[in-house]
């Protein structure tokens, strides 16, 4: 996974503003934001996408949503609302082959999204 940009960020080889970190997850701003608030929540373990999640990897999911809820409170979007996005593979819009979740807020979201 030496070429994975998220793995490089996790290893602190590429600097970013870290908004949350624990032993399993890292959260930081997206470099191409699609909303006033656009945060990425990334497992520290390299998991290419949802389709390769193991039973052990699934144990991360409660923590992912705990972090999303914490960040939504910290960033002031919990009351007005926000969107959580997870893209899987090319047609799903996944641009980095490292599973991640987008937390988007700070504006009204439209439907359909894409």
Protein backbone atom coordinates (compact mmCIF):
# COMPACT_ATOMS: atom_id res chain seq x y z
CA UNK A 1 0.00 0.00 0.00
CA UNK A 2 3.03 2.25 -0.43
CA UNK A 3 1.25 4.25 -3.15
CA UNK A 4 -1.96 4.88 -1.19
CA UNK A 5 -2.30 8.58 -0.39
CA UNK A 6 -4.44 7.86 2.68
CA UNK A 7 -1.85 5.40 4.02
CA UNK A 8 0.78 8.14 3.60
CA UNK A 9 -1.42 10.59 5.52
CA UNK A 10 -1.98 8.00 8.26
CA UNK A 11 1.80 7.46 8.53
CA UNK A 12 2.24 11.27 8.69
CA UNK A 13 4.28 11.26 5.46
CA UNK A 14 1.86 13.82 4.02
CA UNK A 15 0.84 16.63 6.36
CA UNK A 16 -2.81 17.42 7.00
CA UNK A 17 -4.95 19.00 9.69
CA UNK A 18 -6.03 16.08 11.86
CA UNK A 19 -9.49 16.62 13.31
CA UNK A 20 -9.74 13.26 15.05
CA UNK A 21 -7.42 10.33 15.68
CA UNK A 22 -7.59 7.14 17.68
CA UNK A 23 -6.00 3.71 17.29
CA UNK A 24 -8.38 2.75 14.45
CA UNK A 25 -9.40 5.93 12.62
CA UNK A 26 -8.14 9.26 11.33
CA UNK A 27 -10.30 12.22 10.25
CA UNK A 28 -9.11 15.18 8.21
CA UNK A 29 -10.48 17.76 5.73
CA UNK A 30 -10.95 16.73 2.10
CA UNK A 31 -8.54 18.58 -0.21
CA UNK A 32 -11.34 19.11 -2.77
CA UNK A 33 -14.33 19.99 -0.59
CA UNK A 34 -17.82 19.58 -2.02
CA UNK A 35 -19.48 21.42 0.87
CA UNK A 36 -18.41 24.06 3.40
CA UNK A 37 -17.60 21.17 5.74
CA UNK A 38 -16.15 18.10 4.05
CA UNK A 39 -14.27 15.70 6.31
CA UNK A 40 -12.86 12.27 5.50
CA UNK A 41 -12.98 9.50 8.10
CA UNK A 42 -10.44 6.82 7.21
CA UNK A 43 -9.59 3.48 8.84
CA UNK A 44 -5.88 3.30 9.68
CA UNK A 45 -5.83 -0.25 8.36
CA UNK A 46 -5.70 -0.29 4.57
CA UNK A 47 -9.03 -1.69 3.40
CA UNK A 48 -9.46 -1.16 -0.33
CA UNK A 49 -13.26 -0.93 -0.33
CA UNK A 50 -16.46 -2.24 1.27
CA UNK A 51 -16.38 -5.46 -0.71
CA UNK A 52 -13.21 -6.71 0.98
CA UNK A 53 -14.27 -6.03 4.58
CA UNK A 54 -13.56 -9.00 6.83
CA UNK A 55 -15.62 -9.92 9.87
CA UNK A 56 -12.92 -8.29 12.02
CA UNK A 57 -13.01 -5.13 9.88
CA UNK A 58 -16.76 -4.84 10.41
CA UNK A 59 -16.03 -4.15 14.07
CA UNK A 60 -14.76 -0.70 12.98
CA UNK A 61 -18.20 0.46 11.86
CA UNK A 62 -19.63 1.48 15.26
CA UNK A 63 -16.50 3.57 15.86
CA UNK A 64 -16.83 5.19 12.41
CA UNK A 65 -20.32 6.41 13.26
CA UNK A 66 -19.31 7.43 16.77
CA UNK A 67 -16.60 9.65 15.21
CA UNK A 68 -19.04 11.03 12.62
CA UNK A 69 -21.45 11.98 15.41
CA UNK A 70 -18.66 13.59 17.47
CA UNK A 71 -17.34 15.57 14.51
CA UNK A 72 -20.84 16.73 13.54
CA UNK A 73 -21.23 18.12 17.08
CA UNK A 74 -17.72 19.63 17.15
CA UNK A 75 -18.18 21.27 13.74
CA UNK A 76 -21.63 22.66 14.51
CA UNK A 77 -23.62 20.72 11.91
CA UNK A 78 -25.40 18.22 14.16
CA UNK A 79 -28.50 20.39 14.61
CA UNK A 80 -28.93 21.46 10.98
CA UNK A 81 -28.01 18.11 9.46
CA UNK A 82 -25.32 16.52 7.36
CA UNK A 83 -24.66 13.79 4.82
CA UNK A 84 -22.42 10.72 5.16
CA UNK A 85 -21.15 9.18 1.92
CA UNK A 86 -19.19 6.00 1.25
CA UNK A 87 -18.31 5.30 -2.38
CA UNK A 88 -17.40 1.82 -3.59
CA UNK A 89 -15.37 1.19 -6.75
CA UNK A 90 -15.19 3.31 -9.91
CA UNK A 91 -18.87 3.48 -10.85
CA UNK A 92 -19.70 4.25 -7.22
CA UNK A 93 -17.39 7.27 -7.33
CA UNK A 94 -14.51 5.88 -5.26
CA UNK A 95 -11.42 7.93 -6.21
CA UNK A 96 -8.96 6.55 -3.63
CA UNK A 97 -8.68 2.78 -3.18
CA UNK A 98 -8.80 2.99 0.61
CA UNK A 99 -12.24 2.72 2.19
CA UNK A 100 -13.35 6.04 3.65
CA UNK A 101 -16.41 8.02 4.64
CA UNK A 102 -17.23 11.60 3.70
CA UNK A 103 -18.93 13.84 6.26
CA UNK A 104 -20.53 16.75 4.38
CA UNK A 105 -22.37 19.68 5.92
CA UNK A 106 -22.72 23.40 6.21
CA UNK A 107 -25.27 23.69 3.38
CA UNK A 108 -28.51 22.11 2.26
CA UNK A 109 -27.91 18.81 0.46
CA UNK A 110 -29.82 18.04 -2.74
CA UNK A 111 -31.30 14.77 -3.98
CA UNK A 112 -30.48 12.86 -6.06
CA UNK A 113 -26.82 13.28 -5.17
CA UNK A 114 -25.24 12.29 -8.47
